[in-house]
N, C-alpha and C. Protein backbone atom coordinates (compact mmCIF):
# COMPACT_ATOMS: atom_id res chain seq x y z
N MET A 1 111.71 58.04 106.78
CA MET A 1 110.82 58.72 106.94
C MET A 1 110.70 59.86 106.09
N LYS A 2 109.25 60.15 106.16
CA LYS A 2 108.16 60.30 105.12
C LYS A 2 108.86 61.90 105.99
N ASN A 3 109.29 62.65 104.78
CA ASN A 3 109.22 64.62 104.94
C ASN A 3 108.84 65.49 106.46
N PRO A 4 109.27 65.74 106.75
CA PRO A 4 107.72 67.00 107.69
C PRO A 4 107.23 67.73 107.34
N PHE A 5 107.79 68.83 106.39
CA PHE A 5 107.51 69.38 106.05
C PHE A 5 106.57 69.84 105.45
N ILE A 6 105.50 70.43 104.67
CA ILE A 6 104.54 70.41 104.26
C ILE A 6 104.97 71.81 103.08
N LEU A 7 105.14 72.10 102.16
CA LEU A 7 105.08 72.75 100.96
C LEU A 7 104.27 72.70 100.24
N HIS A 8 103.48 74.14 100.19
CA HIS A 8 102.66 73.82 98.52
C HIS A 8 103.95 74.50 97.78
N PRO A 9 103.01 73.14 95.95
CA PRO A 9 104.09 73.08 94.51
C PRO A 9 105.11 74.70 94.69
N SER A 10 104.26 75.66 94.96
CA SER A 10 104.18 77.28 94.46
C SER A 10 105.51 78.29 95.11
N SER A 11 105.85 77.42 96.03
CA SER A 11 106.31 77.02 96.71
C SER A 11 107.94 77.48 96.08
N PHE A 12 108.43 75.96 95.55
CA PHE A 12 109.48 75.75 94.45
C PHE A 12 109.65 77.47 93.48
N ILE A 13 109.05 77.88 93.29
CA ILE A 13 109.04 78.08 91.73
C ILE A 13 111.00 79.82 91.21
N LEU A 14 110.84 79.93 93.26
CA LEU A 14 111.68 80.93 94.15
C LEU A 14 112.55 80.15 93.74
N MET A 15 113.49 78.84 93.47
CA MET A 15 114.06 78.16 93.51
C MET A 15 114.88 78.78 92.05
N ASP A 16 114.26 78.76 91.41
CA ASP A 16 113.91 79.30 89.55
C ASP A 16 114.08 80.17 89.36
N LEU A 17 114.00 81.43 90.00
CA LEU A 17 114.52 82.51 89.77
C LEU A 17 116.07 83.09 89.99
N LEU A 18 115.94 83.56 88.79
CA LEU A 18 117.94 84.42 89.88
C LEU A 18 117.31 85.89 89.64
N TRP A 19 118.06 86.24 91.27
CA TRP A 19 117.86 88.05 91.28
C TRP A 19 119.46 88.57 90.54
N LEU A 20 118.95 89.85 89.74
CA LEU A 20 119.51 89.95 89.38
C LEU A 20 119.50 91.57 90.19
N GLY A 21 120.35 91.67 91.15
CA GLY A 21 120.44 92.72 92.18
C GLY A 21 119.92 94.21 92.60
N TYR A 22 118.53 94.10 91.88
CA TYR A 22 117.99 95.21 91.94
C TYR A 22 116.50 94.66 92.55
N ASP A 23 116.35 95.87 93.37
CA ASP A 23 114.82 95.86 93.91
C ASP A 23 114.24 95.52 92.86
N GLY A 24 112.44 94.36 92.97
CA GLY A 24 112.04 93.80 91.29
C GLY A 24 112.67 93.57 90.79
N LEU A 25 113.37 93.01 90.28
CA LEU A 25 114.56 92.43 89.46
C LEU A 25 114.43 91.12 89.37
N SER A 26 113.90 90.20 88.97
CA SER A 26 114.57 89.43 88.45
C SER A 26 114.18 88.27 87.61
N VAL A 27 114.61 87.27 86.44
CA VAL A 27 113.65 86.87 86.13
C VAL A 27 114.28 85.05 86.00
N ARG A 28 113.55 84.35 85.39
CA ARG A 28 113.28 83.11 85.24
C ARG A 28 115.06 82.54 85.34
N PHE A 29 115.15 81.31 85.30
CA PHE A 29 116.60 80.40 84.76
C PHE A 29 116.12 80.22 83.45
N VAL A 30 114.86 79.83 83.65
CA VAL A 30 114.49 78.93 81.95
C VAL A 30 114.61 80.01 81.45
N ASP A 31 114.63 81.56 81.34
CA ASP A 31 113.99 82.05 80.20
C ASP A 31 115.65 83.55 79.49
N VAL A 32 116.34 82.74 80.89
CA VAL A 32 118.28 83.38 80.94
C VAL A 32 118.82 82.80 78.96
N THR A 33 119.32 83.29 77.75
CA THR A 33 119.73 83.28 76.99
C THR A 33 121.55 83.44 76.74
N ALA A 34 121.48 84.59 77.42
CA ALA A 34 123.04 84.48 77.78
C ALA A 34 123.17 84.99 78.53
N VAL A 35 124.32 86.11 78.94
CA VAL A 35 125.06 86.71 80.05
C VAL A 35 126.12 87.70 79.35
N LEU A 36 125.76 88.94 79.75
CA LEU A 36 127.33 89.37 78.81
C LEU A 36 127.63 90.49 79.55
N LEU A 37 129.23 90.67 79.90
CA LEU A 37 129.64 91.63 80.16
C LEU A 37 128.76 92.90 80.28
N TYR A 38 129.17 93.49 81.22
CA TYR A 38 128.19 95.00 81.14
C TYR A 38 129.54 95.98 80.20
N HIS A 39 128.79 97.20 79.51
CA HIS A 39 129.16 97.67 78.17
C HIS A 39 128.43 99.05 77.95
N PRO A 40 129.11 100.02 77.69
CA PRO A 40 128.58 101.51 77.26
C PRO A 40 126.88 101.02 76.39
N SER A 41 127.66 100.84 75.87
CA SER A 41 127.34 100.64 74.23
C SER A 41 125.71 99.72 73.96
N LEU A 42 124.99 98.66 75.22
CA LEU A 42 124.21 98.11 75.81
C LEU A 42 123.23 98.93 76.37
N ASP A 43 122.77 100.33 76.77
CA ASP A 43 122.46 101.06 77.36
C ASP A 43 120.94 101.25 77.45
N ALA A 44 121.39 101.42 75.28
CA ALA A 44 120.07 101.75 74.81
C ALA A 44 118.26 100.43 74.96
N ARG A 45 119.81 99.32 74.51
CA ARG A 45 119.11 98.07 75.22
C ARG A 45 117.74 97.91 76.69
N ILE A 46 118.83 98.34 77.37
CA ILE A 46 118.81 97.98 79.19
C ILE A 46 117.35 99.30 78.87
N VAL A 47 117.78 100.10 78.53
CA VAL A 47 116.77 101.58 79.17
C VAL A 47 114.96 100.94 78.03
N SER A 48 115.07 99.69 77.71
CA SER A 48 114.43 99.25 76.49
C SER A 48 113.54 98.59 76.81
N ALA A 49 114.51 98.01 77.98
CA ALA A 49 113.53 96.30 78.76
C ALA A 49 113.32 96.88 79.72
N TYR A 50 113.79 98.06 81.03
CA TYR A 50 114.41 98.05 82.00
C TYR A 50 113.62 99.95 82.21
N GLY A 51 113.66 101.23 81.87
CA GLY A 51 113.14 101.96 82.11
C GLY A 51 114.43 103.03 82.24
N ARG A 52 115.59 102.19 82.48
CA ARG A 52 117.05 102.64 82.70
C ARG A 52 118.25 102.23 82.69
N VAL A 53 119.24 102.31 82.97
CA VAL A 53 120.69 102.11 83.74
C VAL A 53 121.04 102.03 85.51
N PRO A 54 120.28 100.78 86.12
CA PRO A 54 120.85 101.75 87.77
C PRO A 54 122.82 101.25 87.48
N ALA A 55 122.62 102.07 89.05
CA ALA A 55 123.59 101.98 89.21
C ALA A 55 125.03 101.13 88.99
N ASN A 56 125.72 100.57 89.32
CA ASN A 56 126.05 100.05 89.11
C ASN A 56 126.37 97.93 88.72
N VAL A 57 126.07 98.75 87.64
CA VAL A 57 125.82 97.45 86.09
C VAL A 57 127.84 96.59 85.91
N ARG A 58 127.20 94.94 86.01
CA ARG A 58 128.43 94.52 85.33
C ARG A 58 128.20 93.39 84.99
N ALA A 59 127.05 92.74 84.86
CA ALA A 59 126.59 91.69 84.04
C ALA A 59 125.15 92.33 82.98
N VAL A 60 124.82 91.83 81.53
CA VAL A 60 123.60 92.10 81.24
C VAL A 60 123.27 90.62 81.28
N VAL A 61 121.99 89.60 81.06
CA VAL A 61 121.30 88.86 81.26
C VAL A 61 120.53 89.53 79.46
N ILE A 62 120.32 88.16 78.94
CA ILE A 62 120.22 88.62 78.46
C ILE A 62 118.96 87.53 77.40
N THR A 63 117.27 87.30 77.55
CA THR A 63 115.85 86.62 77.81
C THR A 63 115.60 85.63 75.69
N GLY A 64 115.10 85.02 76.31
CA GLY A 64 113.99 84.74 75.25
C GLY A 64 113.90 85.56 74.42
N ALA A 65 113.13 85.61 75.09
CA ALA A 65 111.68 87.87 74.70
C ALA A 65 112.54 88.33 74.14
N GLY A 66 113.58 88.64 74.01
CA GLY A 66 115.32 89.74 73.53
C GLY A 66 115.59 90.66 75.04
N ALA A 67 114.83 90.58 75.57
CA ALA A 67 114.91 91.80 77.13
C ALA A 67 116.62 91.57 77.29
N PHE A 68 117.59 92.64 77.71
CA PHE A 68 118.70 93.34 78.44
C PHE A 68 118.63 93.61 79.58
N LEU A 69 118.60 92.47 80.21
CA LEU A 69 118.93 93.12 81.62
C LEU A 69 119.80 92.95 81.89
N PRO A 70 120.00 94.74 83.35
CA PRO A 70 120.65 94.82 84.26
C PRO A 70 120.46 94.41 85.60
N SER A 71 121.89 93.61 85.57
CA SER A 71 122.04 92.31 86.62
C SER A 71 123.79 92.98 88.09
N SER A 72 124.12 93.42 88.50
CA SER A 72 124.91 94.01 89.75
C SER A 72 125.83 93.10 90.03
N TRP A 73 125.20 91.44 89.98
CA TRP A 73 126.26 90.62 90.12
C TRP A 73 127.36 90.43 88.76
N PRO A 74 128.31 89.90 89.29
CA PRO A 74 129.80 89.99 88.66
C PRO A 74 129.28 88.94 87.10
N PRO A 75 129.97 88.66 85.73
CA PRO A 75 129.01 87.53 84.68
C PRO A 75 129.68 86.57 85.43
N GLU A 76 130.77 86.38 86.16
CA GLU A 76 130.84 84.84 85.79
C GLU A 76 130.48 83.91 87.66
N GLN A 77 129.81 84.79 87.97
CA GLN A 77 128.58 84.10 88.83
C GLN A 77 127.62 83.74 88.70
N ILE A 78 127.00 84.83 87.94
CA ILE A 78 125.38 84.81 86.32
C ILE A 78 125.88 83.04 86.22
N ARG A 79 126.89 83.28 85.55
CA ARG A 79 126.45 82.22 84.64
C ARG A 79 127.22 80.67 85.18
N GLN A 80 127.85 80.96 86.42
CA GLN A 80 127.58 79.70 87.59
C GLN A 80 126.84 79.34 88.02
N ARG A 81 125.40 80.09 88.45
CA ARG A 81 124.52 79.61 89.22
C ARG A 81 123.76 78.83 87.94
N TRP A 82 124.58 79.91 86.62
CA TRP A 82 122.66 79.08 85.90
C TRP A 82 123.11 77.63 85.70
N ALA A 83 124.74 77.67 85.23
CA ALA A 83 124.93 76.49 85.37
C ALA A 83 123.99 75.22 86.30
N SER A 84 124.67 76.06 87.26
CA SER A 84 124.23 74.71 88.40
C SER A 84 123.22 74.38 88.49
N TRP A 85 122.04 75.21 87.68
CA TRP A 85 120.77 75.11 87.54
C TRP A 85 120.36 74.37 86.54
N ARG A 86 120.98 74.49 85.11
CA ARG A 86 121.24 73.56 84.61
C ARG A 86 121.76 72.10 84.45
N GLU A 87 122.06 72.05 85.81
CA GLU A 87 123.21 70.82 85.58
C GLU A 87 122.27 70.29 86.84
N GLU A 88 121.11 70.97 87.97
CA GLU A 88 120.06 70.39 88.96
C GLU A 88 118.63 69.91 88.02
N ARG A 89 118.92 70.53 86.73
CA ARG A 89 117.20 69.61 86.02
C ARG A 89 118.00 68.30 85.37
N THR A 90 119.02 68.69 84.62
CA THR A 90 119.64 67.08 83.61
C THR A 90 119.24 65.70 84.27
């Protein structure tokens, strides 16, 4: 049986985005290079990439472009979602 749903190809792009827990802040999984436990010593790099250090930062996602982006999610949860995304692509 054919799929009864008609989806625009761009509708799948959201599946490739990792929401970092703050309004308007997402990163494509393909751009993630590392996930760190947040430490105040990373604040200057977060400010450089995001403009400020938001409340409740628990992890920092590093992109291939060198941006240090804050996340309110625990690093273990981000790493698990990132690993699941990579497995789906193999």
